[in-house]
Amino acid sequence: MLSTIHVVMIPAILLVLFLFVFLFGFRFRKQADRARSEHATSDDVKANAHQQEKTDLFDANMPIISDLLSNNGDVCCVEHEQEKPSDLSLMFLANARVMDFTSPRSRHCGRNRDNRRRSSSFSVKRAKPTGHRSSKTSSCRWVFWRLMGSEKMTELEWKAALRRVGDVSNISDFWQIYGHHPRPSDLPCGHDYNLFKEGIVPMWEDASNAKGGRWLIYIPKSRRTDVLDRWWRKLASAVMGKPFADCIEHICGVVVKVRKGSEKITVWTRDADNKEVNMHIARIIKKTLDIPVHKTLFYIAHNFPGPTSRPELMYTL
């Protein structure tokens, strides 16, 4: 009788142990697979973020590089230090200094090569002079202004809130100022950045602006972080470089405005009645910012009757 019980119980116990080991092993393997999957996903996210950071860094610094290169005239190589250096190898005409860029907000022009950061992601290497000079670049001097105001201000409050930040002779100067101030997407409501020619105050009442107007580029809140900063950088760089060189005498300045409903980038021109020139400027704006054809730009004159009147919409593109 006892031996019969043993014969029945032993296989049953072994079966239970086998099932226990099998289920435990299956569960452990499932958890391990999940952990590996999460780790792989995390690595992919980090890799994508790292690559996006490099892309943003290149996009942020490209205007300063291209301006230095296009304004000075000798062959120079811009290198992007990636895992595959061959991914990016650009040649420009310039007589540039050696430059390093460590982040979109920290830009260093390497006047002393020994003081350069070794962790830079970009470098501009000087080449032998070729004697070539670019003739189509802006030689204007500019001033960077910041309006630290609110949604509704009187004229006196507005004037008190307008601060002259610094002089800008070239894109390198612009980036030094830009790097020490919040980006447009980080500005509080009622704040503006203004880049105007020297001698022109960013006010409608200024003699250079009185008969002029402005092109309006509206940016919805949903596109604030990915478009506002990039478009402002590109447009501010463009007015000091080649894109607007043939019409720069008609441009007074560029503005980025942060308001409650939406953000605006505006380009102020000298003569609101000069439709041919203003339409030409609008076409350059669209090309520079790669604005889709279906997106409309609006031109508004400054000299409308009074504060209670609506601005006059003169034309669109």
C-alpha atoms as a PDB file:
ATOM      1  CA  MET A   1       0.000   0.000   0.000  1.00  0.00           C
ATOM      2  CA  LEU A   2       2.799   2.418   0.979  1.00  0.00           C
ATOM      3  CA  SER A   3       4.784   1.697  -2.145  1.00  0.00           C
ATOM      4  CA  THR A   4       1.716   2.412  -4.252  1.00  0.00           C
ATOM      5  CA  ILE A   5       1.308   5.830  -2.618  1.00  0.00           C
ATOM      6  CA  HIS A   6       5.000   6.580  -3.242  1.00  0.00           C
ATOM      7  CA  VAL A   7       4.626   5.609  -6.872  1.00  0.00           C
ATOM      8  CA  VAL A   8       1.703   8.052  -7.256  1.00  0.00           C
ATOM      9  CA  MET A   9       3.068  10.940  -5.132  1.00  0.00           C
ATOM     10  CA  ILE A  10       6.612  11.163  -6.445  1.00  0.00           C
ATOM     11  CA  PRO A  11       5.629  11.866 -10.089  1.00  0.00           C
ATOM     12  CA  ALA A  12       3.000  14.345  -8.862  1.00  0.00           C
ATOM     13  CA  ILE A  13       5.576  16.202  -6.751  1.00  0.00           C
ATOM     14  CA  LEU A  14       8.039  16.227  -9.648  1.00  0.00           C
ATOM     15  CA  LEU A  15       5.332  17.559 -11.957  1.00  0.00           C
ATOM     16  CA  VAL A  16       4.486  20.352  -9.518  1.00  0.00           C
ATOM     17  CA  LEU A  17       8.173  21.257  -9.170  1.00  0.00           C
ATOM     18  CA  PHE A  18       8.568  21.263 -12.958  1.00  0.00           C
ATOM     19  CA  LEU A  19       5.553  23.523 -13.417  1.00  0.00           C
ATOM     20  CA  PHE A  20       6.815  25.863 -10.697  1.00  0.00           C
ATOM     21  CA  VAL A  21      10.279  26.111 -12.264  1.00  0.00           C
ATOM     22  CA  PHE A  22       8.770  26.565 -15.735  1.00  0.00           C
ATOM     23  CA  LEU A  23       6.387  29.323 -14.673  1.00  0.00           C
ATOM     24  CA  PHE A  24       9.044  31.087 -12.608  1.00  0.00           C
ATOM     25  CA  GLY A  25      11.513  30.910 -15.480  1.00  0.00           C
ATOM     26  CA  PHE A  26       8.913  32.170 -17.962  1.00  0.00           C
ATOM     27  CA  ARG A  27       8.044  35.103 -15.739  1.00  0.00           C
ATOM     28  CA  PHE A  28      11.699  35.923 -15.124  1.00  0.00           C
ATOM     29  CA  ARG A  29      12.460  35.795 -18.845  1.00  0.00           C
ATOM     30  CA  LYS A  30       9.472  38.051 -19.581  1.00  0.00           C
ATOM     31  CA  GLN A  31      10.677  40.615 -17.040  1.00  0.00           C
ATOM     32  CA  ALA A  32      14.192  40.441 -18.447  1.00  0.00           C
ATOM     33  CA  ASP A  33      12.876  40.982 -21.983  1.00  0.00           C
ATOM     34  CA  ARG A  34      10.821  43.943 -20.800  1.00  0.00           C
ATOM     35  CA  ALA A  35      13.832  45.441 -19.024  1.00  0.00           C
ATOM     36  CA  ARG A  36      15.980  45.005 -22.129  1.00  0.00           C
ATOM     37  CA  SER A  37      13.261  46.585 -24.250  1.00  0.00           C
ATOM     38  CA  GLU A  38      12.928  49.572 -21.914  1.00  0.00           C
ATOM     39  CA  HIS A  39      16.695  49.965 -21.812  1.00  0.00           C
ATOM     40  CA  ALA A  40      16.884  49.851 -25.600  1.00  0.00           C
ATOM     41  CA  THR A  41      14.062  52.381 -25.868  1.00  0.00           C
ATOM     42  CA  SER A  42      15.816  54.633 -23.366  1.00  0.00           C
ATOM     43  CA  ASP A  43      19.044  54.365 -25.352  1.00  0.00           C
ATOM     44  CA  ASP A  44      17.167  55.201 -28.558  1.00  0.00           C
ATOM     45  CA  VAL A  45      15.558  58.223 -26.912  1.00  0.00           C
ATOM     46  CA  LYS A  46      18.931  59.405 -25.620  1.00  0.00           C
ATOM     47  CA  ALA A  47      20.536  58.834 -29.014  1.00  0.00           C
ATOM     48  CA  ASN A  48      17.739  60.718 -30.768  1.00  0.00           C
ATOM     49  CA  ALA A  49      17.945  63.543 -28.242  1.00  0.00           C
ATOM     50  CA  HIS A  50      21.712  63.699 -28.675  1.00  0.00           C
ATOM     51  CA  GLN A  51      21.380  63.801 -32.439  1.00  0.00           C
ATOM     52  CA  GLN A  52      18.650  66.446 -32.209  1.00  0.00           C
ATOM     53  CA  GLU A  53      20.886  68.502 -29.927  1.00  0.00           C
ATOM     54  CA  LYS A  54      23.625  68.341 -32.564  1.00  0.00           C
ATOM     55  CA  THR A  55      21.166  69.319 -35.256  1.00  0.00           C
ATOM     56  CA  ASP A  56      19.870  72.234 -33.177  1.00  0.00           C
ATOM     57  CA  LEU A  57      23.428  73.277 -32.409  1.00  0.00           C
ATOM     58  CA  PHE A  58      24.305  73.313 -36.077  1.00  0.00           C
ATOM     59  CA  ASP A  59      21.112  75.195 -36.938  1.00  0.00           C
ATOM     60  CA  ALA A  60      21.781  77.708 -34.171  1.00  0.00           C
ATOM     61  CA  ASN A  61      25.363  78.373 -35.188  1.00  0.00           C
ATOM     62  CA  MET A  62      25.090  78.147 -38.955  1.00  0.00           C
ATOM     63  CA  PRO A  63      24.123  81.828 -39.423  1.00  0.00           C
ATOM     64  CA  ILE A  64      27.158  83.060 -37.514  1.00  0.00           C
ATOM     65  CA  ILE A  65      29.444  80.685 -39.421  1.00  0.00           C
ATOM     66  CA  SER A  66      28.046  81.481 -42.823  1.00  0.00           C
ATOM     67  CA  ASP A  67      28.133  85.225 -42.159  1.00  0.00           C
ATOM     68  CA  LEU A  68      31.751  85.200 -41.069  1.00  0.00           C
ATOM     69  CA  LEU A  69      32.641  83.078 -44.046  1.00  0.00           C
ATOM     70  CA  SER A  70      30.616  84.978 -46.626  1.00  0.00           C
ATOM     71  CA  ASN A  71      31.738  88.397 -45.406  1.00  0.00           C
ATOM     72  CA  ASN A  72      35.466  87.834 -45.463  1.00  0.00           C
ATOM     73  CA  GLY A  73      36.420  85.812 -48.473  1.00  0.00           C
ATOM     74  CA  ASP A  74      38.875  82.935 -47.947  1.00  0.00           C
ATOM     75  CA  VAL A  75      38.331  79.206 -48.148  1.00  0.00           C
ATOM     76  CA  CYS A  76      37.562  77.758 -44.790  1.00  0.00           C
ATOM     77  CA  CYS A  77      36.350  74.366 -43.572  1.00  0.00           C
ATOM     78  CA  VAL A  78      33.551  73.974 -41.052  1.00  0.00           C
ATOM     79  CA  GLU A  79      33.739  70.646 -39.262  1.00  0.00           C
ATOM     80  CA  HIS A  80      31.029  68.982 -37.228  1.00  0.00           C
ATOM     81  CA  GLU A  81      32.457  66.467 -34.757  1.00  0.00           C
ATOM     82  CA  GLN A  82      30.140  63.473 -35.036  1.00  0.00           C
ATOM     83  CA  GLU A  83      30.628  59.716 -34.702  1.00  0.00           C
ATOM     84  CA  LYS A  84      30.951  59.773 -38.485  1.00  0.00           C
ATOM     85  CA  PRO A  85      32.906  62.906 -39.386  1.00  0.00           C
ATOM     86  CA  SER A  86      32.102  62.337 -43.042  1.00  0.00           C
ATOM     87  CA  ASP A  87      28.432  63.082 -42.286  1.00  0.00           C
ATOM     88  CA  LEU A  88      29.165  66.780 -42.551  1.00  0.00           C
ATOM     89  CA  SER A  89      31.970  68.472 -44.387  1.00  0.00           C
ATOM     90  CA  LEU A  90      31.200  71.971 -45.627  1.00  0.00           C
ATOM     91  CA  MET A  91      33.384  74.375 -47.535  1.00  0.00           C
ATOM     92  CA  PHE A  92      32.808  78.120 -47.514  1.00  0.00           C
ATOM     93  CA  LEU A  93      34.504  81.220 -48.842  1.00  0.00           C
ATOM     94  CA  ALA A  94      35.776  83.191 -45.892  1.00  0.00           C
ATOM     95  CA  ASN A  95      38.683  84.564 -44.000  1.00  0.00           C
ATOM     96  CA  ALA A  96      37.339  83.432 -40.636  1.00  0.00           C
ATOM     97  CA  ARG A  97      39.047  83.190 -37.310  1.00  0.00           C
ATOM     98  CA  VAL A  98      39.267  79.836 -35.592  1.00  0.00           C
ATOM     99  CA  MET A  99      35.959  79.412 -33.792  1.00  0.00           C
ATOM    100  CA  ASP A 100      34.423  76.956 -31.372  1.00  0.00           C
ATOM    101  CA  PHE A 101      30.783  76.495 -30.433  1.00  0.00           C
ATOM    102  CA  THR A 102      29.977  74.493 -27.330  1.00  0.00           C
ATOM    103  CA  SER A 103      26.232  75.050 -27.159  1.00  0.00           C
ATOM    104  CA  PRO A 104      23.518  77.151 -28.821  1.00  0.00           C
ATOM    105  CA  ARG A 105      23.731  79.569 -25.910  1.00  0.00           C
ATOM    106  CA  SER A 106      27.485  79.552 -25.416  1.00  0.00           C
ATOM    107  CA  ARG A 107      29.423  80.751 -28.431  1.00  0.00           C
ATOM    108  CA  HIS A 108      33.109  81.471 -28.360  1.00  0.00           C
ATOM    109  CA  CYS A 109      35.166  83.189 -31.029  1.00  0.00           C
ATOM    110  CA  GLY A 110      38.606  81.729 -30.527  1.00  0.00           C
ATOM    111  CA  ARG A 111      40.956  84.669 -30.497  1.00  0.00           C
ATOM    112  CA  ASN A 112      43.392  82.649 -28.412  1.00  0.00           C
ATOM    113  CA  ARG A 113      43.656  79.094 -29.629  1.00  0.00           C
ATOM    114  CA  ASP A 114      45.033  77.878 -26.283  1.00  0.00           C
ATOM    115  CA  ASN A 115      41.884  79.051 -24.506  1.00  0.00           C
ATOM    116  CA  ARG A 116      39.454  77.159 -26.710  1.00  0.00           C
ATOM    117  CA  ARG A 117      37.260  74.475 -25.171  1.00  0.00           C
ATOM    118  CA  ARG A 118      38.202  70.955 -26.138  1.00  0.00           C
ATOM    119  CA  SER A 119      34.583  69.789 -25.954  1.00  0.00           C
ATOM    120  CA  SER A 120      33.432  71.882 -28.892  1.00  0.00           C
ATOM    121  CA  SER A 121      31.071  70.419 -31.443  1.00  0.00           C
ATOM    122  CA  PHE A 122      32.021  72.757 -34.262  1.00  0.00           C
ATOM    123  CA  SER A 123      35.255  74.265 -35.436  1.00  0.00           C
ATOM    124  CA  VAL A 124      36.082  76.677 -38.197  1.00  0.00           C
ATOM    125  CA  LYS A 125      39.589  76.293 -39.537  1.00  0.00           C
ATOM    126  CA  ARG A 126      41.370  79.076 -41.296  1.00  0.00           C
ATOM    127  CA  ALA A 127      42.738  78.428 -44.759  1.00  0.00           C
ATOM    128  CA  LYS A 128      45.178  80.261 -46.997  1.00  0.00           C
ATOM    129  CA  PRO A 129      43.871  83.607 -48.281  1.00  0.00           C
ATOM    130  CA  THR A 130      42.594  83.652 -51.821  1.00  0.00           C
ATOM    131  CA  GLY A 131      42.109  87.389 -52.121  1.00  0.00           C
ATOM    132  CA  HIS A 132      38.402  87.002 -52.884  1.00  0.00           C
ATOM    133  CA  ARG A 133      35.994  89.376 -51.179  1.00  0.00           C
ATOM    134  CA  SER A 134      32.250  89.305 -51.166  1.00  0.00           C
ATOM    135  CA  SER A 135      30.701  92.538 -52.439  1.00  0.00           C
ATOM    136  CA  LYS A 136      27.085  91.754 -51.588  1.00  0.00           C
ATOM    137  CA  THR A 137      26.921  92.021 -47.828  1.00  0.00           C
ATOM    138  CA  SER A 138      25.427  94.610 -45.514  1.00  0.00           C
ATOM    139  CA  SER A 139      27.892  97.142 -44.088  1.00  0.00           C
ATOM    140  CA  CYS A 140      25.333  98.760 -41.760  1.00  0.00           C
ATOM    141  CA  ARG A 141      25.841  99.071 -38.043  1.00  0.00           C
ATOM    142  CA  TRP A 142      22.974  97.865 -35.878  1.00  0.00           C
ATOM    143  CA  VAL A 143      21.705  98.271 -32.329  1.00  0.00           C
ATOM    144  CA  PHE A 144      20.056  95.555 -30.248  1.00  0.00           C
ATOM    145  CA  TRP A 145      17.137  96.798 -28.135  1.00  0.00           C
ATOM    146  CA  ARG A 146      14.912  95.063 -25.607  1.00  0.00           C
ATOM    147  CA  LEU A 147      11.438  96.176 -24.591  1.00  0.00           C
ATOM    148  CA  MET A 148      10.662  95.013 -21.050  1.00  0.00           C
ATOM    149  CA  GLY A 149       7.027  96.013 -20.896  1.00  0.00           C
ATOM    150  CA  SER A 150       3.533  94.634 -20.450  1.00  0.00           C
ATOM    151  CA  GLU A 151       0.438  94.136 -22.589  1.00  0.00           C
ATOM    152  CA  LYS A 152      -0.956  97.666 -22.144  1.00  0.00           C
ATOM    153  CA  MET A 153       1.333 100.654 -21.630  1.00  0.00           C
ATOM    154  CA  THR A 154       1.151 104.381 -22.082  1.00  0.00           C
ATOM    155  CA  GLU A 155       3.629 106.058 -24.425  1.00  0.00           C
ATOM    156  CA  LEU A 156       5.752 107.219 -21.479  1.00  0.00           C
ATOM    157  CA  GLU A 157       5.747 103.741 -19.937  1.00  0.00           C
ATOM    158  CA  TRP A 158       6.698 102.257 -23.297  1.00  0.00           C
ATOM    159  CA  LYS A 159       9.662 104.616 -23.694  1.00  0.00           C
ATOM    160  CA  ALA A 160      10.821 103.863 -20.150  1.00  0.00           C
ATOM    161  CA  ALA A 161      10.627 100.118 -20.811  1.00  0.00           C
ATOM    162  CA  LEU A 162      12.770 100.289 -23.966  1.00  0.00           C
ATOM    163  CA  ARG A 163      16.406  99.463 -23.219  1.00  0.00           C
ATOM    164  CA  ARG A 164      19.404  99.738 -25.525  1.00  0.00           C
ATOM    165  CA  VAL A 165      21.316  96.485 -25.009  1.00  0.00           C
ATOM    166  CA  GLY A 166      24.354  96.882 -27.255  1.00  0.00           C
ATOM    167  CA  ASP A 167      25.854  97.722 -30.629  1.00  0.00           C
ATOM    168  CA  VAL A 168      26.019  95.105 -33.373  1.00  0.00           C
ATOM    169  CA  SER A 169      28.561  95.384 -36.186  1.00  0.00           C
ATOM    170  CA  ASN A 170      28.225  91.819 -37.486  1.00  0.00           C
ATOM    171  CA  ILE A 171      26.525  88.527 -36.772  1.00  0.00           C
ATOM    172  CA  SER A 172      29.203  87.554 -34.276  1.00  0.00           C
ATOM    173  CA  ASP A 173      28.241  90.569 -32.128  1.00  0.00           C
ATOM    174  CA  PHE A 174      24.572  89.641 -32.475  1.00  0.00           C
ATOM    175  CA  TRP A 175      25.205  86.100 -31.238  1.00  0.00           C
ATOM    176  CA  GLN A 176      27.198  87.306 -28.256  1.00  0.00           C
ATOM    177  CA  ILE A 177      24.228  89.442 -27.171  1.00  0.00           C
ATOM    178  CA  TYR A 178      21.718  86.726 -28.062  1.00  0.00           C
ATOM    179  CA  GLY A 179      23.619  84.190 -25.952  1.00  0.00           C
ATOM    180  CA  HIS A 180      23.377  86.327 -22.814  1.00  0.00           C
ATOM    181  CA  HIS A 181      19.622  86.928 -22.950  1.00  0.00           C
ATOM    182  CA  PRO A 182      16.578  84.645 -22.833  1.00  0.00           C
ATOM    183  CA  ARG A 183      15.460  83.216 -26.131  1.00  0.00           C
ATOM    184  CA  PRO A 184      12.324  84.769 -27.623  1.00  0.00           C
ATOM    185  CA  SER A 185      10.283  81.692 -26.659  1.00  0.00           C
ATOM    186  CA  ASP A 186      11.285  82.267 -23.003  1.00  0.00           C
ATOM    187  CA  LEU A 187      10.338  85.951 -22.888  1.00  0.00           C
ATOM    188  CA  PRO A 188       7.409  87.078 -20.718  1.00  0.00           C
ATOM    189  CA  CYS A 189       4.320  88.594 -22.302  1.00  0.00           C
ATOM    190  CA  GLY A 190       4.854  92.179 -23.416  1.00  0.00           C
ATOM    191  CA  HIS A 191       8.575  91.818 -24.120  1.00  0.00           C
ATOM    192  CA  ASP A 192      10.248  92.481 -27.482  1.00  0.00           C
ATOM    193  CA  TYR A 193      13.653  92.126 -29.062  1.00  0.00           C
ATOM    194  CA  ASN A 194      14.508  94.785 -31.647  1.00  0.00           C
ATOM    195  CA  LEU A 195      17.444  94.862 -34.044  1.00  0.00           C
ATOM    196  CA  PHE A 196      17.531  98.264 -35.748  1.00  0.00           C
ATOM    197  CA  LYS A 197      20.021 100.229 -37.767  1.00  0.00           C
ATOM    198  CA  GLU A 198      22.173 102.597 -35.779  1.00  0.00           C
ATOM    199  CA  GLY A 199      20.444 105.956 -35.475  1.00  0.00           C
ATOM    200  CA  ILE A 200      16.917 104.525 -35.759  1.00  0.00           C
ATOM    201  CA  VAL A 201      14.918 104.043 -32.562  1.00  0.00           C
ATOM    202  CA  PRO A 202      12.358 101.205 -32.761  1.00  0.00           C
ATOM    203  CA  MET A 203       9.406 103.581 -32.499  1.00  0.00           C
ATOM    204  CA  TRP A 204       6.847 104.600 -35.114  1.00  0.00           C
ATOM    205  CA  GLU A 205       7.540 108.255 -34.289  1.00  0.00           C
ATOM    206  CA  ASP A 206      11.190 108.025 -35.369  1.00  0.00           C
ATOM    207  CA  ALA A 207      11.786 110.016 -38.569  1.00  0.00           C
ATOM    208  CA  SER A 208      13.045 106.933 -40.430  1.00  0.00           C
ATOM    209  CA  ASN A 209       9.930 104.952 -39.470  1.00  0.00           C
ATOM    210  CA  ALA A 210       7.239 107.638 -39.700  1.00  0.00           C
ATOM    211  CA  LYS A 211       6.330 106.985 -43.349  1.00  0.00           C
ATOM    212  CA  GLY A 212       7.077 103.289 -43.249  1.00  0.00           C
ATOM    213  CA  GLY A 213       5.354 100.085 -42.284  1.00  0.00           C
ATOM    214  CA  ARG A 214       6.055  96.507 -41.327  1.00  0.00           C
ATOM    215  CA  TRP A 215       5.627  92.985 -42.590  1.00  0.00           C
ATOM    216  CA  LEU A 216       3.902  90.781 -40.003  1.00  0.00           C
ATOM    217  CA  ILE A 217       4.790  87.119 -39.566  1.00  0.00           C
ATOM    218  CA  TYR A 218       2.381  85.497 -37.112  1.00  0.00           C
ATOM    219  CA  ILE A 219       3.495  82.470 -35.103  1.00  0.00           C
ATOM    220  CA  PRO A 220       0.803  80.568 -33.173  1.00  0.00           C
ATOM    221  CA  LYS A 221       1.434  79.502 -29.582  1.00  0.00           C
ATOM    222  CA  SER A 222       1.523  75.838 -30.634  1.00  0.00           C
ATOM    223  CA  ARG A 223       4.645  76.519 -32.747  1.00  0.00           C
ATOM    224  CA  ARG A 224       6.325  78.819 -30.254  1.00  0.00           C
ATOM    225  CA  THR A 225       9.301  76.715 -29.203  1.00  0.00           C
ATOM    226  CA  ASP A 226      10.197  75.120 -32.538  1.00  0.00           C
ATOM    227  CA  VAL A 227       9.656  78.102 -34.862  1.00  0.00           C
ATOM    228  CA  LEU A 228       9.914  81.414 -32.995  1.00  0.00           C
ATOM    229  CA  ASP A 229      13.565  81.164 -31.946  1.00  0.00           C
ATOM    230  CA  ARG A 230      14.721  79.700 -35.255  1.00  0.00           C
ATOM    231  CA  TRP A 231      12.930  82.268 -37.422  1.00  0.00           C
ATOM    232  CA  TRP A 232      14.159  85.164 -35.292  1.00  0.00           C
ATOM    233  CA  ARG A 233      17.766  83.941 -35.519  1.00  0.00           C
ATOM    234  CA  LYS A 234      17.536  83.414 -39.265  1.00  0.00           C
ATOM    235  CA  LEU A 235      15.899  86.746 -40.003  1.00  0.00           C
ATOM    236  CA  ALA A 236      18.197  88.783 -37.748  1.00  0.00           C
ATOM    237  CA  SER A 237      21.198  87.097 -39.350  1.00  0.00           C
ATOM    238  CA  ALA A 238      19.830  87.574 -42.859  1.00  0.00           C
ATOM    239  CA  VAL A 239      19.387  91.353 -42.608  1.00  0.00           C
ATOM    240  CA  MET A 240      23.077  91.632 -41.731  1.00  0.00           C
ATOM    241  CA  GLY A 241      24.208  89.286 -44.479  1.00  0.00           C
ATOM    242  CA  LYS A 242      23.670  88.612 -48.160  1.00  0.00           C
ATOM    243  CA  PRO A 243      19.928  87.852 -48.476  1.00  0.00           C
ATOM    244  CA  PHE A 244      18.791  91.484 -48.044  1.00  0.00           C
ATOM    245  CA  ALA A 245      21.940  93.160 -49.396  1.00  0.00           C
ATOM    246  CA  ASP A 246      20.227  94.568 -52.501  1.00  0.00           C
ATOM    247  CA  CYS A 247      17.407  96.206 -50.513  1.00  0.00           C
ATOM    248  CA  ILE A 248      18.995  96.854 -47.131  1.00  0.00           C
ATOM    249  CA  GLU A 249      18.668 100.641 -47.508  1.00  0.00           C
ATOM    250  CA  HIS A 250      14.878 100.177 -47.399  1.00  0.00           C
ATOM    251  CA  ILE A 251      14.917  98.147 -44.152  1.00  0.00           C
ATOM    252  CA  CYS A 252      14.884  99.850 -40.740  1.00  0.00           C
ATOM    253  CA  GLY A 253      14.934  96.821 -38.455  1.00  0.00           C
ATOM    254  CA  VAL A 254      13.418  93.535 -37.328  1.00  0.00           C
ATOM    255  CA  VAL A 255      11.370  92.829 -34.206  1.00  0.00           C
ATOM    256  CA  VAL A 256      10.178  89.757 -32.338  1.00  0.00           C
ATOM    257  CA  LYS A 257       7.135  90.439 -30.134  1.00  0.00           C
ATOM    258  CA  VAL A 258       5.725  88.172 -27.430  1.00  0.00           C
ATOM    259  CA  ARG A 259       2.049  88.783 -26.760  1.00  0.00           C
ATOM    260  CA  LYS A 260      -0.855  86.961 -25.129  1.00  0.00           C
ATOM    261  CA  GLY A 261      -2.555  85.666 -28.268  1.00  0.00           C
ATOM    262  CA  SER A 262       0.441  84.866 -30.433  1.00  0.00           C
ATOM    263  CA  GLU A 263       3.996  85.872 -31.191  1.00  0.00           C
ATOM    264  CA  LYS A 264       4.966  88.048 -34.144  1.00  0.00           C
ATOM    265  CA  ILE A 265       8.143  88.705 -36.038  1.00  0.00           C
ATOM    266  CA  THR A 266       8.039  91.971 -37.964  1.00  0.00           C
ATOM    267  CA  VAL A 267      10.305  93.565 -40.545  1.00  0.00           C
ATOM    268  CA  TRP A 268      10.108  97.361 -40.578  1.00  0.00           C
ATOM    269  CA  THR A 269      10.643  99.167 -43.873  1.00  0.00           C
ATOM    270  CA  ARG A 270      11.227 102.829 -44.618  1.00  0.00           C
ATOM    271  CA  ASP A 271       8.490 103.640 -47.172  1.00  0.00           C
ATOM    272  CA  ALA A 272       5.043 102.052 -46.935  1.00  0.00           C
ATOM    273  CA  ASP A 273       4.080 103.361 -50.387  1.00  0.00           C
ATOM    274  CA  ASN A 274       6.973 101.659 -52.176  1.00  0.00           C
ATOM    275  CA  LYS A 275       5.065  98.485 -52.966  1.00  0.00           C
ATOM    276  CA  GLU A 276       7.608  97.082 -55.404  1.00  0.00           C
ATOM    277  CA  VAL A 277      10.445  97.145 -52.870  1.00  0.00           C
ATOM    278  CA  ASN A 278       8.274  95.948 -49.998  1.00  0.00           C
ATOM    279  CA  MET A 279       6.980  92.990 -52.012  1.00  0.00           C
ATOM    280  CA  HIS A 280      10.575  92.132 -52.924  1.00  0.00           C
ATOM    281  CA  ILE A 281      11.474  92.180 -49.228  1.00  0.00           C
ATOM    282  CA  ALA A 282       8.522  89.901 -48.451  1.00  0.00           C
ATOM    283  CA  ARG A 283       9.679  87.381 -51.048  1.00  0.00           C
ATOM    284  CA  ILE A 284      13.136  87.333 -49.463  1.00  0.00           C
ATOM    285  CA  ILE A 285      11.544  86.828 -46.027  1.00  0.00           C
ATOM    286  CA  LYS A 286       9.580  83.830 -47.274  1.00  0.00           C
ATOM    287  CA  LYS A 287      12.624  82.344 -48.967  1.00  0.00           C
ATOM    288  CA  THR A 288      14.897  82.918 -45.959  1.00  0.00           C
ATOM    289  CA  LEU A 289      12.465  81.368 -43.483  1.00  0.00           C
ATOM    290  CA  ASP A 290      11.203  78.728 -45.916  1.00  0.00           C
ATOM    291  CA  ILE A 291       7.629  79.868 -45.273  1.00  0.00           C
ATOM    292  CA  PRO A 292       5.017  77.775 -47.121  1.00  0.00           C
ATOM    293  CA  VAL A 293       3.299  79.377 -50.102  1.00  0.00           C
ATOM    294  CA  HIS A 294      -0.130  79.178 -48.444  1.00  0.00           C
ATOM    295  CA  LYS A 295       1.035  81.196 -45.395  1.00  0.00           C
ATOM    296  CA  THR A 296       0.191  84.876 -45.875  1.00  0.00           C
ATOM    297  CA  LEU A 297       2.334  87.818 -44.809  1.00  0.00           C
ATOM    298  CA  PHE A 298       0.586  91.117 -44.052  1.00  0.00           C
ATOM    299  CA  TYR A 299       2.019  94.595 -44.581  1.00  0.00           C
ATOM    300  CA  ILE A 300       0.706  97.348 -42.298  1.00  0.00           C
ATOM    301  CA  ALA A 301       1.555 101.056 -42.377  1.00  0.00           C
ATOM    302  CA  HIS A 302       2.737 102.734 -39.163  1.00  0.00           C
ATOM    303  CA  ASN A 303       1.054 106.094 -39.714  1.00  0.00           C
ATOM    304  CA  PHE A 304      -2.580 105.239 -38.999  1.00  0.00           C
ATOM    305  CA  PRO A 305      -4.752 108.029 -37.502  1.00  0.00           C
ATOM    306  CA  GLY A 306      -4.629 107.266 -33.792  1.00  0.00           C
ATOM    307  CA  PRO A 307      -4.430 104.749 -30.951  1.00  0.00           C
ATOM    308  CA  THR A 308      -8.125 103.867 -31.262  1.00  0.00           C
ATOM    309  CA  SER A 309      -7.916 103.311 -35.027  1.00  0.00           C
ATOM    310  CA  ARG A 310      -7.074 100.026 -36.668  1.00  0.00           C
ATOM    311  CA  PRO A 311      -3.802  99.822 -38.639  1.00  0.00           C
ATOM    312  CA  GLU A 312      -4.135 100.063 -42.393  1.00  0.00           C
ATOM    313  CA  LEU A 313      -3.537  96.765 -44.177  1.00  0.00           C
ATOM    314  CA  MET A 314      -1.825  97.845 -47.383  1.00  0.00           C
ATOM    315  CA  TYR A 315      -1.004  94.548 -49.104  1.00  0.00           C
ATOM    316  CA  THR A 316      -0.298  90.863 -48.584  1.00  0.00           C
ATOM    317  CA  LEU A 317       1.903  88.144 -50.026  1.00  0.00           C
END
